[in-house]
Every structure is written in C-alpha cells, then in structure tokens.
Amino acid sequence: MTNRIVRLPIFAAAIVILFALAGCQNSGSNVSTVSNANSSVSNANAPSQTAKDESKEISDLLDQYNDALLKKDAETLERIWADDLSFVNPRGQLLTKKERIENIKTGATALRSADVSEKQVRMYGDTAVATLVVKISGQYSGEEGSGEFRITTVWAKPKGSWQMVAVQMTPIAK
C-alpha cells in the first residue's frame, strides 16, 4: 500500500509534464528554414517574416565571420563569438573563444581561402542552427587544415544580439 502511495505522485507529475510539453506544441511549426541557392532542403511550413529576417541576419553574420577569419579581424570575431564559445576544430580539439582569438592574433589559425556552399539557417525561436560546406585552404591551431568541411554553428542571444555559441567542423571524406 505504501509503495502505491509513493508512486502516485511520481505518476501524476509525469502526466502533468507530458501535458505541459504537449501544450507547448502548436499546429504551426516554430522552426523555419532559409537556405541559399545551393541547398535542396526546404520547410513545408512557411516561416514568419521575423524568422526570415533573423535567418538573413544569421546568414549575414556567417558572411562577416568568414570575411573576418580571412582578414584575421579579431575585433569582429570578438563581437561574433559568444564569451563561452565552444569550437571543435577539424582534428576534434575543443577550443575556447580566448584560444581561438589567440590563434587568430598569432597567425596559428590563418586561412588563405574559404569558399562557402550549401549554407542553410534554421530558426528555433531565440536559437539558430546553421549548416554549411566550406572548402578551406589554410591552417588551424598551427597545423595544416585545408580541405572540404561540413560545419555546424549554433547561434543564441546571450547579450541581446546574435552570437555564435558553438562550432563543429567535420572533414568531408573523399
């Protein structure tokens, strides 16, 4: 009998959580996708104008990010990268914003070229996920880093404006 009394509140709490989560779902998607011309992925649900505007903002920030890396523009990267940035380089090493900025300033990370394709931005409320393919000629953390990579970036608004909070680079096998 005591065992049933203990399980009842846990079961009731699980039901409340389940209904609360179900209540968060709406008939329209809160996810929107904006892609460049090279991407074949689309979203059946039309994104709101706000989501389209924010997707464009993220896409523009990705362009600024690429340009800043090529120009070794640490000031722009300081603005784009969140203070708690997690960057996983092509070798699987996890680097912080401080380490990335130091690599840029010292030349340990230096790109000669970075050609972007397949850029896609998906909005999830105040979070965005961007995926792209980049053909890079250069080095990361003092080691050769040329090749073609699929890159995933995560964006949030930790200080009220969009900042990159995470990056994962994966070499594309040939």
N, C-alpha and C. Protein backbone atom coordinates (compact mmCIF):
# COMPACT_ATOMS: atom_id res chain seq x y z
N MET A 1 0.83 -1.18 0.00
CA MET A 1 0.00 0.00 0.00
C MET A 1 0.87 1.25 0.00
N THR A 2 1.90 1.29 0.85
CA THR A 2 2.79 2.45 0.93
C THR A 2 3.50 2.66 -0.40
N ASN A 3 3.88 1.58 -1.06
CA ASN A 3 4.57 1.65 -2.33
C ASN A 3 3.69 2.35 -3.38
N ARG A 4 2.37 2.06 -3.38
CA ARG A 4 1.44 2.69 -4.31
C ARG A 4 1.31 4.18 -4.02
N ILE A 5 1.30 4.55 -2.77
CA ILE A 5 1.16 5.96 -2.38
C ILE A 5 2.37 6.75 -2.87
N VAL A 6 3.54 6.17 -2.81
CA VAL A 6 4.76 6.84 -3.26
C VAL A 6 4.76 6.98 -4.78
N ARG A 7 4.29 5.97 -5.50
CA ARG A 7 4.29 6.00 -6.95
C ARG A 7 3.26 6.97 -7.51
N LEU A 8 2.15 7.18 -6.84
CA LEU A 8 1.08 8.04 -7.33
C LEU A 8 1.57 9.47 -7.61
N PRO A 9 2.29 10.14 -6.69
CA PRO A 9 2.76 11.49 -7.01
C PRO A 9 3.74 11.51 -8.18
N ILE A 10 4.58 10.50 -8.30
CA ILE A 10 5.52 10.45 -9.42
C ILE A 10 4.76 10.30 -10.72
N PHE A 11 3.75 9.40 -10.75
CA PHE A 11 2.94 9.21 -11.94
C PHE A 11 2.18 10.50 -12.28
N ALA A 12 1.62 11.14 -11.28
CA ALA A 12 0.88 12.38 -11.51
C ALA A 12 1.80 13.48 -12.07
N ALA A 13 3.00 13.57 -11.52
CA ALA A 13 3.96 14.57 -12.00
C ALA A 13 4.33 14.28 -13.46
N ALA A 14 4.51 13.02 -13.81
CA ALA A 14 4.85 12.65 -15.18
C ALA A 14 3.72 13.04 -16.13
N ILE A 15 2.48 12.82 -15.73
CA ILE A 15 1.33 13.19 -16.56
C ILE A 15 1.27 14.70 -16.75
N VAL A 16 1.49 15.47 -15.68
CA VAL A 16 1.48 16.93 -15.77
C VAL A 16 2.56 17.41 -16.73
N ILE A 17 3.75 16.85 -16.63
CA ILE A 17 4.85 17.24 -17.52
C ILE A 17 4.51 16.89 -18.96
N LEU A 18 3.95 15.70 -19.18
CA LEU A 18 3.58 15.28 -20.52
C LEU A 18 2.57 16.24 -21.14
N PHE A 19 1.53 16.62 -20.37
CA PHE A 19 0.53 17.55 -20.89
C PHE A 19 1.12 18.95 -21.09
N ALA A 20 2.03 19.35 -20.23
CA ALA A 20 2.66 20.66 -20.39
C ALA A 20 3.48 20.69 -21.66
N LEU A 21 4.22 19.62 -21.92
CA LEU A 21 5.01 19.57 -23.16
C LEU A 21 4.11 19.53 -24.38
N ALA A 22 3.03 18.77 -24.30
CA ALA A 22 2.10 18.70 -25.42
C ALA A 22 1.46 20.07 -25.66
N GLY A 23 1.22 20.81 -24.60
CA GLY A 23 0.64 22.14 -24.74
C GLY A 23 1.57 23.13 -25.39
N CYS A 24 2.88 22.85 -25.33
CA CYS A 24 3.87 23.73 -25.98
C CYS A 24 3.86 23.55 -27.48
N GLN A 25 3.31 22.45 -27.96
CA GLN A 25 3.26 22.21 -29.39
C GLN A 25 2.07 22.97 -29.97
N ASN A 26 2.26 23.56 -31.13
CA ASN A 26 1.15 24.20 -31.81
C ASN A 26 1.01 23.60 -33.19
N SER A 27 -0.05 23.96 -33.88
CA SER A 27 -0.29 23.35 -35.18
C SER A 27 0.69 23.84 -36.23
N GLY A 28 1.23 25.05 -36.06
CA GLY A 28 2.26 25.55 -36.98
C GLY A 28 3.62 25.29 -36.39
N SER A 29 4.60 25.14 -37.26
CA SER A 29 5.95 24.88 -36.78
C SER A 29 6.60 26.16 -36.29
N ASN A 30 7.36 26.06 -35.21
CA ASN A 30 8.13 27.19 -34.69
C ASN A 30 9.51 27.21 -35.33
N VAL A 31 9.72 26.28 -36.26
CA VAL A 31 11.01 26.14 -36.92
C VAL A 31 10.89 26.68 -38.33
N SER A 32 11.85 27.49 -38.75
CA SER A 32 11.85 27.97 -40.11
C SER A 32 13.21 27.72 -40.72
N THR A 33 13.21 27.57 -42.02
CA THR A 33 14.45 27.28 -42.73
C THR A 33 14.64 28.30 -43.83
N VAL A 34 15.84 28.84 -43.91
CA VAL A 34 16.21 29.70 -45.02
C VAL A 34 17.50 29.14 -45.57
N SER A 35 17.51 28.88 -46.87
CA SER A 35 18.67 28.25 -47.49
C SER A 35 19.19 29.11 -48.61
N ASN A 36 20.45 28.87 -48.98
CA ASN A 36 20.96 29.55 -50.16
C ASN A 36 20.62 28.74 -51.39
N ALA A 37 20.96 29.23 -52.54
CA ALA A 37 20.58 28.60 -53.79
C ALA A 37 21.18 27.21 -53.96
N ASN A 38 22.27 26.90 -53.28
CA ASN A 38 22.91 25.60 -53.43
C ASN A 38 22.27 24.51 -52.59
N SER A 39 21.31 24.84 -51.74
CA SER A 39 20.72 23.85 -50.85
C SER A 39 19.41 23.35 -51.41
N SER A 40 19.14 22.06 -51.27
CA SER A 40 17.90 21.49 -51.76
C SER A 40 16.91 21.23 -50.63
N VAL A 41 17.25 21.61 -49.40
CA VAL A 41 16.39 21.36 -48.26
C VAL A 41 15.41 22.52 -48.11
N SER A 42 14.15 22.22 -47.84
CA SER A 42 13.17 23.28 -47.61
C SER A 42 12.24 22.86 -46.49
N ASN A 43 11.42 23.80 -46.04
CA ASN A 43 10.50 23.55 -44.95
C ASN A 43 9.08 23.72 -45.49
N ALA A 44 8.21 22.75 -45.23
CA ALA A 44 6.85 22.81 -45.72
C ALA A 44 6.06 23.93 -45.05
N ASN A 45 6.40 24.28 -43.83
CA ASN A 45 5.72 25.36 -43.11
C ASN A 45 6.39 26.68 -43.44
N ALA A 46 5.61 27.64 -43.87
CA ALA A 46 6.16 28.95 -44.24
C ALA A 46 6.64 29.67 -42.99
N PRO A 47 7.90 30.13 -42.96
CA PRO A 47 8.39 30.84 -41.79
C PRO A 47 7.78 32.23 -41.70
N SER A 48 7.69 32.75 -40.49
CA SER A 48 7.18 34.09 -40.29
C SER A 48 8.19 35.10 -40.82
N GLN A 49 7.75 36.33 -41.02
CA GLN A 49 8.65 37.37 -41.51
C GLN A 49 9.79 37.60 -40.51
N THR A 50 9.49 37.54 -39.22
CA THR A 50 10.52 37.71 -38.20
C THR A 50 11.58 36.62 -38.33
N ALA A 51 11.14 35.38 -38.50
CA ALA A 51 12.09 34.27 -38.66
C ALA A 51 12.91 34.45 -39.92
N LYS A 52 12.30 34.92 -41.01
CA LYS A 52 13.03 35.17 -42.25
C LYS A 52 14.09 36.25 -42.03
N ASP A 53 13.70 37.32 -41.33
CA ASP A 53 14.64 38.41 -41.05
C ASP A 53 15.80 37.93 -40.19
N GLU A 54 15.49 37.14 -39.17
CA GLU A 54 16.55 36.64 -38.28
C GLU A 54 17.43 35.63 -39.01
N SER A 55 16.86 34.82 -39.88
CA SER A 55 17.66 33.89 -40.67
C SER A 55 18.62 34.65 -41.58
N LYS A 56 18.14 35.73 -42.16
CA LYS A 56 19.00 36.56 -43.01
C LYS A 56 20.10 37.20 -42.16
N GLU A 57 19.77 37.63 -40.95
CA GLU A 57 20.77 38.21 -40.05
C GLU A 57 21.87 37.20 -39.73
N ILE A 58 21.49 35.96 -39.46
CA ILE A 58 22.47 34.91 -39.18
C ILE A 58 23.31 34.64 -40.43
N SER A 59 22.68 34.57 -41.59
CA SER A 59 23.40 34.35 -42.83
C SER A 59 24.43 35.47 -43.07
N ASP A 60 24.01 36.71 -42.81
CA ASP A 60 24.93 37.85 -42.94
C ASP A 60 26.08 37.75 -41.94
N LEU A 61 25.79 37.32 -40.71
CA LEU A 61 26.83 37.15 -39.70
C LEU A 61 27.81 36.05 -40.11
N LEU A 62 27.32 34.99 -40.74
CA LEU A 62 28.21 33.94 -41.25
C LEU A 62 29.15 34.50 -42.31
N ASP A 63 28.64 35.38 -43.17
CA ASP A 63 29.49 36.03 -44.17
C ASP A 63 30.55 36.91 -43.50
N GLN A 64 30.14 37.66 -42.46
CA GLN A 64 31.08 38.50 -41.71
C GLN A 64 32.13 37.63 -41.02
N TYR A 65 31.71 36.51 -40.47
CA TYR A 65 32.59 35.56 -39.80
C TYR A 65 33.66 35.05 -40.77
N ASN A 66 33.21 34.61 -41.94
CA ASN A 66 34.13 34.10 -42.96
C ASN A 66 35.12 35.20 -43.37
N ASP A 67 34.62 36.40 -43.61
CA ASP A 67 35.47 37.52 -44.00
C ASP A 67 36.48 37.86 -42.89
N ALA A 68 36.02 37.86 -41.64
CA ALA A 68 36.89 38.18 -40.51
C ALA A 68 37.99 37.13 -40.35
N LEU A 69 37.67 35.86 -40.57
CA LEU A 69 38.70 34.82 -40.50
C LEU A 69 39.76 35.03 -41.58
N LEU A 70 39.31 35.36 -42.78
CA LEU A 70 40.25 35.57 -43.88
C LEU A 70 41.14 36.79 -43.64
N LYS A 71 40.57 37.83 -43.02
CA LYS A 71 41.32 39.07 -42.78
C LYS A 71 42.02 39.09 -41.42
N LYS A 72 41.86 38.01 -40.65
CA LYS A 72 42.42 37.94 -39.28
C LYS A 72 41.92 39.12 -38.44
N ASP A 73 40.64 39.41 -38.56
CA ASP A 73 39.98 40.53 -37.89
C ASP A 73 39.46 40.09 -36.52
N ALA A 74 40.34 40.13 -35.52
CA ALA A 74 39.99 39.66 -34.17
C ALA A 74 38.87 40.48 -33.55
N GLU A 75 38.79 41.76 -33.86
CA GLU A 75 37.74 42.62 -33.29
C GLU A 75 36.35 42.15 -33.72
N THR A 76 36.19 41.84 -35.00
CA THR A 76 34.90 41.35 -35.48
C THR A 76 34.59 39.99 -34.88
N LEU A 77 35.59 39.13 -34.79
CA LEU A 77 35.39 37.80 -34.21
C LEU A 77 35.02 37.90 -32.73
N GLU A 78 35.60 38.83 -32.00
CA GLU A 78 35.24 39.08 -30.59
C GLU A 78 33.75 39.37 -30.47
N ARG A 79 33.22 40.14 -31.42
CA ARG A 79 31.80 40.52 -31.40
C ARG A 79 30.92 39.33 -31.79
N ILE A 80 31.33 38.58 -32.79
CA ILE A 80 30.50 37.48 -33.30
C ILE A 80 30.50 36.28 -32.34
N TRP A 81 31.65 35.96 -31.77
CA TRP A 81 31.73 34.79 -30.89
C TRP A 81 31.25 35.13 -29.48
N ALA A 82 30.41 34.26 -28.91
CA ALA A 82 29.97 34.40 -27.52
C ALA A 82 31.17 34.13 -26.60
N ASP A 83 31.13 34.71 -25.41
CA ASP A 83 32.22 34.53 -24.46
C ASP A 83 32.47 33.06 -24.11
N ASP A 84 31.40 32.25 -24.12
CA ASP A 84 31.54 30.84 -23.78
C ASP A 84 31.54 29.94 -25.02
N LEU A 85 32.04 30.48 -26.14
CA LEU A 85 32.11 29.72 -27.38
C LEU A 85 32.78 28.36 -27.18
N SER A 86 32.20 27.34 -27.80
CA SER A 86 32.81 26.01 -27.89
C SER A 86 33.11 25.76 -29.35
N PHE A 87 34.38 25.61 -29.69
CA PHE A 87 34.79 25.39 -31.07
C PHE A 87 35.50 24.05 -31.17
N VAL A 88 34.95 23.16 -31.99
CA VAL A 88 35.58 21.87 -32.23
C VAL A 88 36.21 21.95 -33.61
N ASN A 89 37.56 21.93 -33.63
CA ASN A 89 38.28 22.09 -34.89
C ASN A 89 38.28 20.78 -35.68
N PRO A 90 38.83 20.79 -36.90
CA PRO A 90 38.79 19.59 -37.74
C PRO A 90 39.47 18.36 -37.14
N ARG A 91 40.33 18.54 -36.16
CA ARG A 91 41.00 17.40 -35.51
C ARG A 91 40.27 16.94 -34.25
N GLY A 92 39.13 17.57 -33.96
CA GLY A 92 38.34 17.17 -32.80
C GLY A 92 38.75 17.84 -31.51
N GLN A 93 39.66 18.81 -31.57
CA GLN A 93 40.08 19.52 -30.37
C GLN A 93 39.04 20.58 -30.00
N LEU A 94 38.74 20.69 -28.72
CA LEU A 94 37.79 21.69 -28.22
C LEU A 94 38.57 22.94 -27.79
N LEU A 95 38.21 24.08 -28.40
CA LEU A 95 38.88 25.34 -28.10
C LEU A 95 37.87 26.36 -27.59
N THR A 96 38.35 27.28 -26.76
CA THR A 96 37.52 28.36 -26.22
C THR A 96 37.66 29.60 -27.10
N LYS A 97 36.85 30.59 -26.82
CA LYS A 97 36.95 31.86 -27.53
C LYS A 97 38.34 32.46 -27.34
N LYS A 98 38.82 32.44 -26.12
CA LYS A 98 40.14 33.02 -25.82
C LYS A 98 41.23 32.33 -26.65
N GLU A 99 41.17 31.00 -26.72
CA GLU A 99 42.16 30.25 -27.50
C GLU A 99 42.04 30.56 -28.99
N ARG A 100 40.81 30.67 -29.48
CA ARG A 100 40.59 30.98 -30.90
C ARG A 100 41.13 32.37 -31.24
N ILE A 101 40.83 33.35 -30.39
CA ILE A 101 41.31 34.72 -30.63
C ILE A 101 42.84 34.74 -30.62
N GLU A 102 43.44 34.04 -29.68
CA GLU A 102 44.91 33.98 -29.61
C GLU A 102 45.48 33.35 -30.89
N ASN A 103 44.85 32.28 -31.37
CA ASN A 103 45.30 31.64 -32.61
C ASN A 103 45.20 32.59 -33.80
N ILE A 104 44.16 33.40 -33.84
CA ILE A 104 43.99 34.37 -34.93
C ILE A 104 45.08 35.44 -34.82
N LYS A 105 45.27 35.97 -33.63
CA LYS A 105 46.25 37.06 -33.43
C LYS A 105 47.68 36.61 -33.71
N THR A 106 48.02 35.38 -33.35
CA THR A 106 49.39 34.91 -33.56
C THR A 106 49.62 34.34 -34.95
N GLY A 107 48.54 34.11 -35.70
CA GLY A 107 48.67 33.52 -37.02
C GLY A 107 48.65 32.00 -37.01
N ALA A 108 48.47 31.38 -35.84
CA ALA A 108 48.39 29.92 -35.77
C ALA A 108 47.17 29.43 -36.56
N THR A 109 46.11 30.23 -36.59
CA THR A 109 44.98 29.98 -37.47
C THR A 109 45.02 31.06 -38.54
N ALA A 110 45.21 30.63 -39.77
CA ALA A 110 45.31 31.57 -40.89
C ALA A 110 44.72 30.90 -42.13
N LEU A 111 43.68 31.51 -42.67
CA LEU A 111 43.04 30.98 -43.87
C LEU A 111 43.48 31.78 -45.09
N ARG A 112 43.82 31.06 -46.14
CA ARG A 112 44.15 31.71 -47.41
C ARG A 112 42.88 31.87 -48.24
N SER A 113 41.98 30.91 -48.13
CA SER A 113 40.70 30.99 -48.83
C SER A 113 39.67 30.16 -48.07
N ALA A 114 38.40 30.52 -48.26
CA ALA A 114 37.29 29.79 -47.65
C ALA A 114 36.06 30.00 -48.53
N ASP A 115 35.75 28.98 -49.33
CA ASP A 115 34.62 29.05 -50.26
C ASP A 115 33.43 28.33 -49.68
N VAL A 116 32.36 29.09 -49.43
CA VAL A 116 31.16 28.58 -48.76
C VAL A 116 30.12 28.11 -49.78
N SER A 117 29.50 26.98 -49.48
CA SER A 117 28.36 26.49 -50.26
C SER A 117 27.39 25.80 -49.32
N GLU A 118 26.23 25.48 -49.83
CA GLU A 118 25.21 24.74 -49.08
C GLU A 118 24.86 25.38 -47.74
N LYS A 119 24.85 26.70 -47.68
CA LYS A 119 24.52 27.38 -46.43
C LYS A 119 23.02 27.27 -46.16
N GLN A 120 22.70 26.85 -44.96
CA GLN A 120 21.30 26.71 -44.54
C GLN A 120 21.19 27.20 -43.10
N VAL A 121 20.18 28.03 -42.84
CA VAL A 121 19.93 28.54 -41.49
C VAL A 121 18.54 28.11 -41.07
N ARG A 122 18.45 27.50 -39.87
CA ARG A 122 17.14 27.11 -39.31
C ARG A 122 16.95 27.83 -38.00
N MET A 123 15.79 28.42 -37.83
CA MET A 123 15.47 29.19 -36.62
C MET A 123 14.63 28.35 -35.68
N TYR A 124 14.96 28.43 -34.39
CA TYR A 124 14.22 27.76 -33.33
C TYR A 124 13.97 28.78 -32.23
N GLY A 125 13.09 29.73 -32.48
CA GLY A 125 12.85 30.79 -31.51
C GLY A 125 14.08 31.68 -31.38
N ASP A 126 14.66 31.73 -30.18
CA ASP A 126 15.85 32.55 -29.94
C ASP A 126 17.14 31.78 -30.13
N THR A 127 17.07 30.69 -30.88
CA THR A 127 18.25 29.89 -31.20
C THR A 127 18.24 29.63 -32.70
N ALA A 128 19.42 29.56 -33.28
CA ALA A 128 19.52 29.24 -34.71
C ALA A 128 20.62 28.21 -34.90
N VAL A 129 20.43 27.36 -35.89
CA VAL A 129 21.44 26.38 -36.27
C VAL A 129 21.72 26.60 -37.75
N ALA A 130 22.99 26.79 -38.07
CA ALA A 130 23.38 26.97 -39.46
C ALA A 130 24.32 25.83 -39.85
N THR A 131 24.10 25.29 -41.04
CA THR A 131 25.00 24.28 -41.58
C THR A 131 25.49 24.79 -42.92
N LEU A 132 26.73 24.46 -43.23
CA LEU A 132 27.31 24.88 -44.49
C LEU A 132 28.47 23.97 -44.83
N VAL A 133 28.87 24.03 -46.08
CA VAL A 133 30.06 23.34 -46.53
C VAL A 133 31.07 24.43 -46.88
N VAL A 134 32.31 24.25 -46.43
CA VAL A 134 33.35 25.23 -46.71
C VAL A 134 34.59 24.51 -47.22
N LYS A 135 35.07 24.96 -48.36
CA LYS A 135 36.34 24.46 -48.88
C LYS A 135 37.41 25.46 -48.44
N ILE A 136 38.32 24.99 -47.58
CA ILE A 136 39.29 25.86 -46.92
C ILE A 136 40.71 25.54 -47.37
N SER A 137 41.48 26.60 -47.52
CA SER A 137 42.92 26.47 -47.69
C SER A 137 43.53 27.27 -46.55
N GLY A 138 44.26 26.60 -45.67
CA GLY A 138 44.86 27.31 -44.54
C GLY A 138 45.23 26.36 -43.43
N GLN A 139 45.40 26.93 -42.26
CA GLN A 139 45.78 26.13 -41.09
C GLN A 139 44.92 26.51 -39.89
N TYR A 140 44.77 25.53 -38.98
CA TYR A 140 44.06 25.71 -37.72
C TYR A 140 44.99 25.32 -36.59
N SER A 141 45.08 26.17 -35.60
CA SER A 141 45.89 25.90 -34.41
C SER A 141 47.31 25.47 -34.77
N GLY A 142 47.87 26.11 -35.79
CA GLY A 142 49.25 25.86 -36.16
C GLY A 142 49.49 24.62 -37.01
N GLU A 143 48.43 23.92 -37.39
CA GLU A 143 48.57 22.72 -38.21
C GLU A 143 47.74 22.87 -39.48
N GLU A 144 48.22 22.23 -40.54
CA GLU A 144 47.51 22.28 -41.82
C GLU A 144 46.04 21.92 -41.60
N GLY A 145 45.16 22.71 -42.21
CA GLY A 145 43.73 22.49 -42.04
C GLY A 145 42.96 22.64 -43.34
N SER A 146 43.64 22.45 -44.47
CA SER A 146 42.98 22.59 -45.77
C SER A 146 42.09 21.40 -46.05
N GLY A 147 41.04 21.65 -46.81
CA GLY A 147 40.13 20.58 -47.20
C GLY A 147 38.71 21.09 -47.29
N GLU A 148 37.80 20.16 -47.45
CA GLU A 148 36.38 20.49 -47.51
C GLU A 148 35.74 19.99 -46.21
N PHE A 149 34.95 20.87 -45.59
CA PHE A 149 34.38 20.58 -44.28
C PHE A 149 32.89 20.88 -44.26
N ARG A 150 32.15 20.05 -43.53
CA ARG A 150 30.77 20.38 -43.20
C ARG A 150 30.84 21.02 -41.83
N ILE A 151 30.25 22.18 -41.71
CA ILE A 151 30.34 22.96 -40.47
C ILE A 151 28.93 23.21 -39.94
N THR A 152 28.78 23.02 -38.65
CA THR A 152 27.53 23.35 -37.96
C THR A 152 27.84 24.43 -36.94
N THR A 153 27.06 25.50 -36.99
CA THR A 153 27.19 26.57 -36.00
C THR A 153 25.86 26.73 -35.28
N VAL A 154 25.95 27.07 -34.00
CA VAL A 154 24.76 27.32 -33.18
C VAL A 154 24.84 28.76 -32.72
N TRP A 155 23.71 29.46 -32.81
CA TRP A 155 23.63 30.88 -32.50
C TRP A 155 22.58 31.12 -31.43
N ALA A 156 22.86 32.07 -30.54
CA ALA A 156 21.92 32.45 -29.48
C ALA A 156 22.09 33.94 -29.22
N LYS A 157 21.33 34.46 -28.29
CA LYS A 157 21.39 35.87 -27.95
C LYS A 157 21.79 36.05 -26.48
N PRO A 158 23.00 35.64 -26.11
CA PRO A 158 23.39 35.74 -24.70
C PRO A 158 23.48 37.18 -24.19
N LYS A 159 23.72 38.12 -25.08
CA LYS A 159 23.83 39.53 -24.69
C LYS A 159 22.85 40.41 -25.47
N GLY A 160 21.77 39.81 -25.95
CA GLY A 160 20.74 40.57 -26.65
C GLY A 160 20.90 40.63 -28.15
N SER A 161 22.04 40.24 -28.68
CA SER A 161 22.22 40.18 -30.13
C SER A 161 22.81 38.82 -30.49
N TRP A 162 22.62 38.42 -31.73
CA TRP A 162 23.05 37.09 -32.15
C TRP A 162 24.56 36.92 -32.01
N GLN A 163 24.95 35.80 -31.40
CA GLN A 163 26.36 35.42 -31.30
C GLN A 163 26.49 33.92 -31.53
N MET A 164 27.62 33.54 -32.10
CA MET A 164 27.92 32.14 -32.31
C MET A 164 28.34 31.53 -30.97
N VAL A 165 27.65 30.48 -30.55
CA VAL A 165 27.95 29.85 -29.26
C VAL A 165 28.66 28.50 -29.41
N ALA A 166 28.54 27.90 -30.61
CA ALA A 166 29.19 26.61 -30.83
C ALA A 166 29.49 26.43 -32.30
N VAL A 167 30.61 25.75 -32.58
CA VAL A 167 31.02 25.42 -33.95
C VAL A 167 31.56 24.00 -33.93
N GLN A 168 31.18 23.22 -34.93
CA GLN A 168 31.70 21.86 -35.11
C GLN A 168 32.13 21.74 -36.57
N MET A 169 33.39 21.45 -36.80
CA MET A 169 33.91 21.25 -38.16
C MET A 169 34.19 19.77 -38.36
N THR A 170 33.67 19.22 -39.45
CA THR A 170 33.89 17.82 -39.76
C THR A 170 34.44 17.71 -41.17
N PRO A 171 35.61 17.08 -41.34
CA PRO A 171 36.14 16.90 -42.70
C PRO A 171 35.20 16.03 -43.52
N ILE A 172 35.03 16.38 -44.78
CA ILE A 172 34.21 15.57 -45.68
C ILE A 172 35.14 14.56 -46.34
N ALA A 173 34.84 13.29 -46.13
CA ALA A 173 35.65 12.21 -46.70
C ALA A 173 35.49 12.19 -48.21
N LYS A 174 36.59 11.89 -48.88
CA LYS A 174 36.56 11.85 -50.36
C LYS A 174 36.49 10.44 -50.84
